[in-house]
PDB file of N, CA and C in Angstrom:
ATOM      1  N   UNK A   1      65.317  95.921 103.416  1.00  0.00           N
ATOM      2  CA  UNK A   1      66.324  96.852 103.920  1.00  0.00           C
ATOM      3  C   UNK A   1      67.656  95.995 104.103  1.00  0.00           C
ATOM      4  N   UNK A   2      68.661  96.604 103.861  1.00  0.00           N
ATOM      5  CA  UNK A   2      69.999  96.006 103.987  1.00  0.00           C
ATOM      6  C   UNK A   2      70.736  96.484 105.120  1.00  0.00           C
ATOM      7  N   UNK A   3      71.138  95.482 105.994  1.00  0.00           N
ATOM      8  CA  UNK A   3      71.799  95.940 107.203  1.00  0.00           C
ATOM      9  C   UNK A   3      73.328  95.793 106.926  1.00  0.00           C
ATOM     10  N   UNK A   4      74.336  96.845 107.060  1.00  0.00           N
ATOM     11  CA  UNK A   4      75.605  96.784 106.870  1.00  0.00           C
ATOM     12  C   UNK A   4      76.206  97.011 108.082  1.00  0.00           C
ATOM     13  N   UNK A   5      77.182  96.042 108.499  1.00  0.00           N
ATOM     14  CA  UNK A   5      77.879  96.059 109.787  1.00  0.00           C
ATOM     15  C   UNK A   5      79.370  96.258 109.428  1.00  0.00           C
ATOM     16  N   UNK A   6      79.907  97.124 109.910  1.00  0.00           N
ATOM     17  CA  UNK A   6      81.441  97.358 109.816  1.00  0.00           C
ATOM     18  C   UNK A   6      82.038  97.143 111.091  1.00  0.00           C
ATOM     19  N   UNK A   7      82.900  95.946 111.163  1.00  0.00           N
ATOM     20  CA  UNK A   7      83.596  95.590 112.339  1.00  0.00           C
ATOM     21  C   UNK A   7      84.956  96.085 111.996  1.00  0.00           C
ATOM     22  N   UNK A   8      85.629  96.605 113.120  1.00  0.00           N
ATOM     23  CA  UNK A   8      87.155  96.932 112.904  1.00  0.00           C
ATOM     24  C   UNK A   8      87.949  95.738 113.249  1.00  0.00           C
ATOM     25  N   UNK A   9      88.746  95.407 112.355  1.00  0.00           N
ATOM     26  CA  UNK A   9      89.835  94.255 112.789  1.00  0.00           C
ATOM     27  C   UNK A   9      90.821  94.842 113.780  1.00  0.00           C
ATOM     28  N   UNK A  10      90.916  94.307 114.828  1.00  0.00           N
ATOM     29  CA  UNK A  10      91.764  94.614 115.886  1.00  0.00           C
ATOM     30  C   UNK A  10      93.068  93.826 115.920  1.00  0.00           C
ATOM     31  N   UNK A  11      93.011  92.601 115.460  1.00  0.00           N
ATOM     32  CA  UNK A  11      94.406  91.664 115.562  1.00  0.00           C
ATOM     33  C   UNK A  11      94.342  90.864 114.190  1.00  0.00           C
ATOM     34  N   UNK A  12      95.466  90.657 113.701  1.00  0.00           N
ATOM     35  CA  UNK A  12      95.410  89.987 112.388  1.00  0.00           C
ATOM     36  C   UNK A  12      97.028  89.151 112.521  1.00  0.00           C
ATOM     37  N   UNK A  13      97.034  87.955 112.159  1.00  0.00           N
ATOM     38  CA  UNK A  13      98.264  87.242 112.326  1.00  0.00           C
ATOM     39  C   UNK A  13      98.325  86.631 110.762  1.00  0.00           C
ATOM     40  N   UNK A  14      99.524  86.946 110.176  1.00  0.00           N
ATOM     41  CA  UNK A  14      99.823  86.263 108.879  1.00  0.00           C
ATOM     42  C   UNK A  14     101.000  85.594 108.756  1.00  0.00           C
ATOM     43  N   UNK A  15     101.089  84.570 107.984  1.00  0.00           N
ATOM     44  CA  UNK A  15     102.334  83.687 107.769  1.00  0.00           C
ATOM     45  C   UNK A  15     102.920  83.870 106.473  1.00  0.00           C
ATOM     46  N   UNK A  16     104.144  83.876 106.355  1.00  0.00           N
ATOM     47  CA  UNK A  16     104.923  84.060 105.147  1.00  0.00           C
ATOM     48  C   UNK A  16     106.072  82.925 105.034  1.00  0.00           C
ATOM     49  N   UNK A  17     106.416  82.441 103.744  1.00  0.00           N
ATOM     50  CA  UNK A  17     107.365  81.593 103.448  1.00  0.00           C
ATOM     51  C   UNK A  17     108.136  82.134 102.131  1.00  0.00           C
ATOM     52  N   UNK A  18     109.526  81.676 102.187  1.00  0.00           N
ATOM     53  CA  UNK A  18     110.160  82.105 101.010  1.00  0.00           C
ATOM     54  C   UNK A  18     111.474  81.302 100.902  1.00  0.00           C
ATOM     55  N   UNK A  19     112.115  81.253  99.760  1.00  0.00           N
ATOM     56  CA  UNK A  19     113.327  80.249  99.536  1.00  0.00           C
ATOM     57  C   UNK A  19     114.586  81.393  99.893  1.00  0.00           C
ATOM     58  N   UNK A  20     114.354  82.650  99.954  1.00  0.00           N
ATOM     59  CA  UNK A  20     115.465  83.330 100.248  1.00  0.00           C
ATOM     60  C   UNK A  20     114.864  84.612 101.203  1.00  0.00           C
ATOM     61  N   UNK A  21     115.897  85.165 102.030  1.00  0.00           N
ATOM     62  CA  UNK A  21     115.356  86.098 103.014  1.00  0.00           C
ATOM     63  C   UNK A  21     115.030  87.494 102.166  1.00  0.00           C
ATOM     64  N   UNK A  22     115.507  87.878 101.139  1.00  0.00           N
ATOM     65  CA  UNK A  22     115.115  89.051 100.442  1.00  0.00           C
ATOM     66  C   UNK A  22     113.605  88.913  99.926  1.00  0.00           C
ATOM     67  N   UNK A  23     113.192  87.755  99.549  1.00  0.00           N
ATOM     68  CA  UNK A  23     111.888  87.448  99.049  1.00  0.00           C
ATOM     69  C   UNK A  23     110.866  87.643 100.276  1.00  0.00           C
ATOM     70  N   UNK A  24     111.221  86.975 101.338  1.00  0.00           N
ATOM     71  CA  UNK A  24     110.600  86.964 102.693  1.00  0.00           C
ATOM     72  C   UNK A  24     110.377  88.511 102.908  1.00  0.00           C
ATOM     73  N   UNK A  25     111.484  89.232 103.057  1.00  0.00           N
ATOM     74  CA  UNK A  25     111.414  90.696 103.572  1.00  0.00           C
ATOM     75  C   UNK A  25     110.310  91.568 102.593  1.00  0.00           C
ATOM     76  N   UNK A  26     110.375  91.229 101.166  1.00  0.00           N
ATOM     77  CA  UNK A  26     109.633  91.939 100.413  1.00  0.00           C
ATOM     78  C   UNK A  26     108.239  91.551 100.462  1.00  0.00           C
ATOM     79  N   UNK A  27     107.794  90.297 100.788  1.00  0.00           N
ATOM     80  CA  UNK A  27     106.440  89.819 100.759  1.00  0.00           C
ATOM     81  C   UNK A  27     105.839  90.537 102.174  1.00  0.00           C
ATOM     82  N   UNK A  28     106.753  90.506 103.237  1.00  0.00           N
ATOM     83  CA  UNK A  28     106.124  91.196 104.347  1.00  0.00           C
ATOM     84  C   UNK A  28     106.093  92.636 104.063  1.00  0.00           C
ATOM     85  N   UNK A  29     107.070  93.325 103.543  1.00  0.00           N
ATOM     86  CA  UNK A  29     106.815  94.745 103.427  1.00  0.00           C
ATOM     87  C   UNK A  29     105.611  95.102 102.562  1.00  0.00           C
ATOM     88  N   UNK A  30     105.214  94.169 101.523  1.00  0.00           N
ATOM     89  CA  UNK A  30     103.938  94.533 100.764  1.00  0.00           C
ATOM     90  C   UNK A  30     102.804  94.305 101.635  1.00  0.00           C
ATOM     91  N   UNK A  31     102.850  93.217 102.412  1.00  0.00           N
ATOM     92  CA  UNK A  31     101.593  93.068 103.250  1.00  0.00           C
ATOM     93  C   UNK A  31     101.389  94.272 104.099  1.00  0.00           C
ATOM     94  N   UNK A  32     102.494  94.841 104.818  1.00  0.00           N
ATOM     95  CA  UNK A  32     102.577  95.906 105.749  1.00  0.00           C
ATOM     96  C   UNK A  32     101.778  97.119 105.077  1.00  0.00           C
ATOM     97  N   UNK A  33     101.988  97.141 103.706  1.00  0.00           N
ATOM     98  CA  UNK A  33     101.481  98.307 103.131  1.00  0.00           C
ATOM     99  C   UNK A  33      99.939  98.282 103.010  1.00  0.00           C
ATOM    100  N   UNK A  34      99.588  96.864 102.564  1.00  0.00           N
ATOM    101  CA  UNK A  34      98.260  96.502 102.354  1.00  0.00           C
ATOM    102  C   UNK A  34      97.428  96.818 103.769  1.00  0.00           C
ATOM    103  N   UNK A  35      98.094  96.371 104.840  1.00  0.00           N
ATOM    104  CA  UNK A  35      97.316  96.403 106.145  1.00  0.00           C
ATOM    105  C   UNK A  35      97.241  98.009 106.722  1.00  0.00           C
ATOM    106  N   UNK A  36      98.038  98.814 106.157  1.00  0.00           N
ATOM    107  CA  UNK A  36      98.053 100.229 106.609  1.00  0.00           C
ATOM    108  C   UNK A  36      96.627 100.618 106.146  1.00  0.00           C
ATOM    109  N   UNK A  37      95.958 100.201 104.910  1.00  0.00           N
ATOM    110  CA  UNK A  37      94.712 100.735 104.582  1.00  0.00           C
ATOM    111  C   UNK A  37      93.599 100.151 105.616  1.00  0.00           C
ATOM    112  N   UNK A  38      93.943  99.038 106.360  1.00  0.00           N
ATOM    113  CA  UNK A  38      93.037  98.613 107.362  1.00  0.00           C
ATOM    114  C   UNK A  38      93.342  99.111 108.692  1.00  0.00           C
ATOM    115  N   UNK A  39      94.178 100.012 108.636  1.00  0.00           N
ATOM    116  CA  UNK A  39      94.593 100.810 110.031  1.00  0.00           C
ATOM    117  C   UNK A  39      95.340  99.886 110.882  1.00  0.00           C
ATOM    118  N   UNK A  40      96.149  98.921 110.396  1.00  0.00           N
ATOM    119  CA  UNK A  40      96.826  97.713 111.237  1.00  0.00           C
ATOM    120  C   UNK A  40      98.186  98.034 111.117  1.00  0.00           C
ATOM    121  N   UNK A  41      98.951  98.094 112.147  1.00  0.00           N
ATOM    122  CA  UNK A  41     100.502  98.256 112.211  1.00  0.00           C
ATOM    123  C   UNK A  41     101.154  96.879 112.585  1.00  0.00           C
ATOM    124  N   UNK A  42     102.376  96.756 112.651  1.00  0.00           N
ATOM    125  CA  UNK A  42     103.076  95.503 112.947  1.00  0.00           C
ATOM    126  C   UNK A  42     103.142  95.610 114.495  1.00  0.00           C
ATOM    127  N   UNK A  43     102.848  94.635 115.220  1.00  0.00           N
ATOM    128  CA  UNK A  43     102.949  94.381 116.632  1.00  0.00           C
ATOM    129  C   UNK A  43     104.116  93.563 117.035  1.00  0.00           C
ATOM    130  N   UNK A  44     104.238  92.548 116.280  1.00  0.00           N
ATOM    131  CA  UNK A  44     105.452  91.744 116.616  1.00  0.00           C
ATOM    132  C   UNK A  44     105.588  90.591 115.195  1.00  0.00           C
ATOM    133  N   UNK A  45     107.091  90.443 115.271  1.00  0.00           N
ATOM    134  CA  UNK A  45     107.439  89.707 113.955  1.00  0.00           C
ATOM    135  C   UNK A  45     108.302  88.502 114.630  1.00  0.00           C
ATOM    136  N   UNK A  46     108.026  87.272 114.232  1.00  0.00           N
ATOM    137  CA  UNK A  46     108.858  85.869 114.683  1.00  0.00           C
ATOM    138  C   UNK A  46     109.082  85.447 113.359  1.00  0.00           C
ATOM    139  N   UNK A  47     110.325  84.987 113.256  1.00  0.00           N
ATOM    140  CA  UNK A  47     111.027  84.442 111.886  1.00  0.00           C
ATOM    141  C   UNK A  47     111.995  83.346 112.293  1.00  0.00           C
ATOM    142  N   UNK A  48     112.045  82.315 111.413  1.00  0.00           N
ATOM    143  CA  UNK A  48     112.854  81.194 111.473  1.00  0.00           C
ATOM    144  C   UNK A  48     113.444  80.707 110.169  1.00  0.00           C
ATOM    145  N   UNK A  49     114.763  80.083 110.271  1.00  0.00           N
ATOM    146  CA  UNK A  49     115.359  79.609 109.048  1.00  0.00           C
ATOM    147  C   UNK A  49     115.560  78.226 109.160  1.00  0.00           C
ATOM    148  N   UNK A  50     115.156  77.284 108.184  1.00  0.00           N
ATOM    149  CA  UNK A  50     115.318  75.884 108.253  1.00  0.00           C
ATOM    150  C   UNK A  50     116.264  75.440 107.279  1.00  0.00           C
ATOM    151  N   UNK A  51     117.327  74.539 107.498  1.00  0.00           N
ATOM    152  CA  UNK A  51     118.108  74.192 106.560  1.00  0.00           C
ATOM    153  C   UNK A  51     117.643  72.768 106.235  1.00  0.00           C
ATOM    154  N   UNK A  52     117.339  72.460 104.908  1.00  0.00           N
ATOM    155  CA  UNK A  52     116.978  71.183 104.455  1.00  0.00           C
ATOM    156  C   UNK A  52     118.138  70.068 104.241  1.00  0.00           C
ATOM    157  N   UNK A  53     117.725  68.954 104.148  1.00  0.00           N
ATOM    158  CA  UNK A  53     118.842  67.873 104.285  1.00  0.00           C
ATOM    159  C   UNK A  53     119.737  68.101 102.865  1.00  0.00           C
ATOM    160  N   UNK A  54     119.236  68.746 101.826  1.00  0.00           N
ATOM    161  CA  UNK A  54     119.940  69.185 100.665  1.00  0.00           C
ATOM    162  C   UNK A  54     120.837  70.294 100.878  1.00  0.00           C
ATOM    163  N   UNK A  55     120.776  70.957 101.937  1.00  0.00           N
ATOM    164  CA  UNK A  55     121.437  72.060 102.215  1.00  0.00           C
ATOM    165  C   UNK A  55     120.873  73.415 102.014  1.00  0.00           C
ATOM    166  N   UNK A  56     119.757  73.279 101.336  1.00  0.00           N
ATOM    167  CA  UNK A  56     118.713  74.523 100.847  1.00  0.00           C
ATOM    168  C   UNK A  56     118.289  75.055 101.977  1.00  0.00           C
ATOM    169  N   UNK A  57     118.132  76.396 101.908  1.00  0.00           N
ATOM    170  CA  UNK A  57     117.523  77.187 103.212  1.00  0.00           C
ATOM    171  C   UNK A  57     116.215  77.373 102.854  1.00  0.00           C
ATOM    172  N   UNK A  58     115.456  77.551 103.936  1.00  0.00           N
ATOM    173  CA  UNK A  58     114.020  77.722 103.896  1.00  0.00           C
ATOM    174  C   UNK A  58     113.731  78.939 104.783  1.00  0.00           C
ATOM    175  N   UNK A  59     112.977  80.006 104.534  1.00  0.00           N
ATOM    176  CA  UNK A  59     112.609  81.031 105.518  1.00  0.00           C
ATOM    177  C   UNK A  59     111.222  81.213 105.805  1.00  0.00           C
ATOM    178  N   UNK A  60     110.700  81.343 106.926  1.00  0.00           N
ATOM    179  CA  UNK A  60     109.339  81.394 107.446  1.00  0.00           C
ATOM    180  C   UNK A  60     109.237  82.718 108.340  1.00  0.00           C
ATOM    181  N   UNK A  61     108.029  83.415 108.417  1.00  0.00           N
ATOM    182  CA  UNK A  61     107.951  84.296 109.427  1.00  0.00           C
ATOM    183  C   UNK A  61     106.355  84.375 109.681  1.00  0.00           C
ATOM    184  N   UNK A  62     106.140  84.749 110.929  1.00  0.00           N
ATOM    185  CA  UNK A  62     104.835  85.193 111.475  1.00  0.00           C
ATOM    186  C   UNK A  62     104.835  86.551 111.741  1.00  0.00           C
ATOM    187  N   UNK A  63     103.803  87.302 111.380  1.00  0.00           N
ATOM    188  CA  UNK A  63     103.701  88.860 111.704  1.00  0.00           C
ATOM    189  C   UNK A  63     102.287  89.028 112.231  1.00  0.00           C
ATOM    190  N   UNK A  64     102.240  89.482 113.435  1.00  0.00           N
ATOM    191  CA  UNK A  64     101.035  90.102 114.225  1.00  0.00           C
ATOM    192  C   UNK A  64     100.810  91.466 114.064  1.00  0.00           C
ATOM    193  N   UNK A  65      99.613  91.710 113.414  1.00  0.00           N
ATOM    194  CA  UNK A  65      99.274  93.228 113.076  1.00  0.00           C
ATOM    195  C   UNK A  65      98.249  93.471 114.259  1.00  0.00           C
ATOM    196  N   UNK A  66      98.451  94.629 114.581  1.00  0.00           N
ATOM    197  CA  UNK A  66      97.300  95.121 115.677  1.00  0.00           C
ATOM    198  C   UNK A  66      96.740  96.599 115.184  1.00  0.00           C
ATOM    199  N   UNK A  67      95.690  96.881 115.485  1.00  0.00           N
ATOM    200  CA  UNK A  67      94.940  98.098 115.181  1.00  0.00           C
ATOM    201  C   UNK A  67      95.621  99.333 115.694  1.00  0.00           C
ATOM    202  N   UNK A  68      95.834 100.306 115.144  1.00  0.00           N
ATOM    203  CA  UNK A  68      96.504 101.493 115.538  1.00  0.00           C
ATOM    204  C   UNK A  68      95.545 102.186 116.642  1.00  0.00           C
ATOM    205  N   UNK A  69      95.967 102.562 117.593  1.00  0.00           N
ATOM    206  CA  UNK A  69      95.367 103.209 118.669  1.00  0.00           C
ATOM    207  C   UNK A  69      95.502 104.847 118.656  1.00  0.00           C
TER     208      UNK A  69
END
């Protein structure tokens, strides 16, 4: 007999990186759509921009998803 256990994901933290803000936003929005299927919504977003020595900008973000109540 096979036992199947389905556990609800209540919290999920994901990290994103991109060379430009438009790409970072696109990647986050795509993941928001994927996580809707898991009944997760955005709880908090934190983002940063770093300027490298050569002047190039680097963007990163942390998105905390929580189960919809």
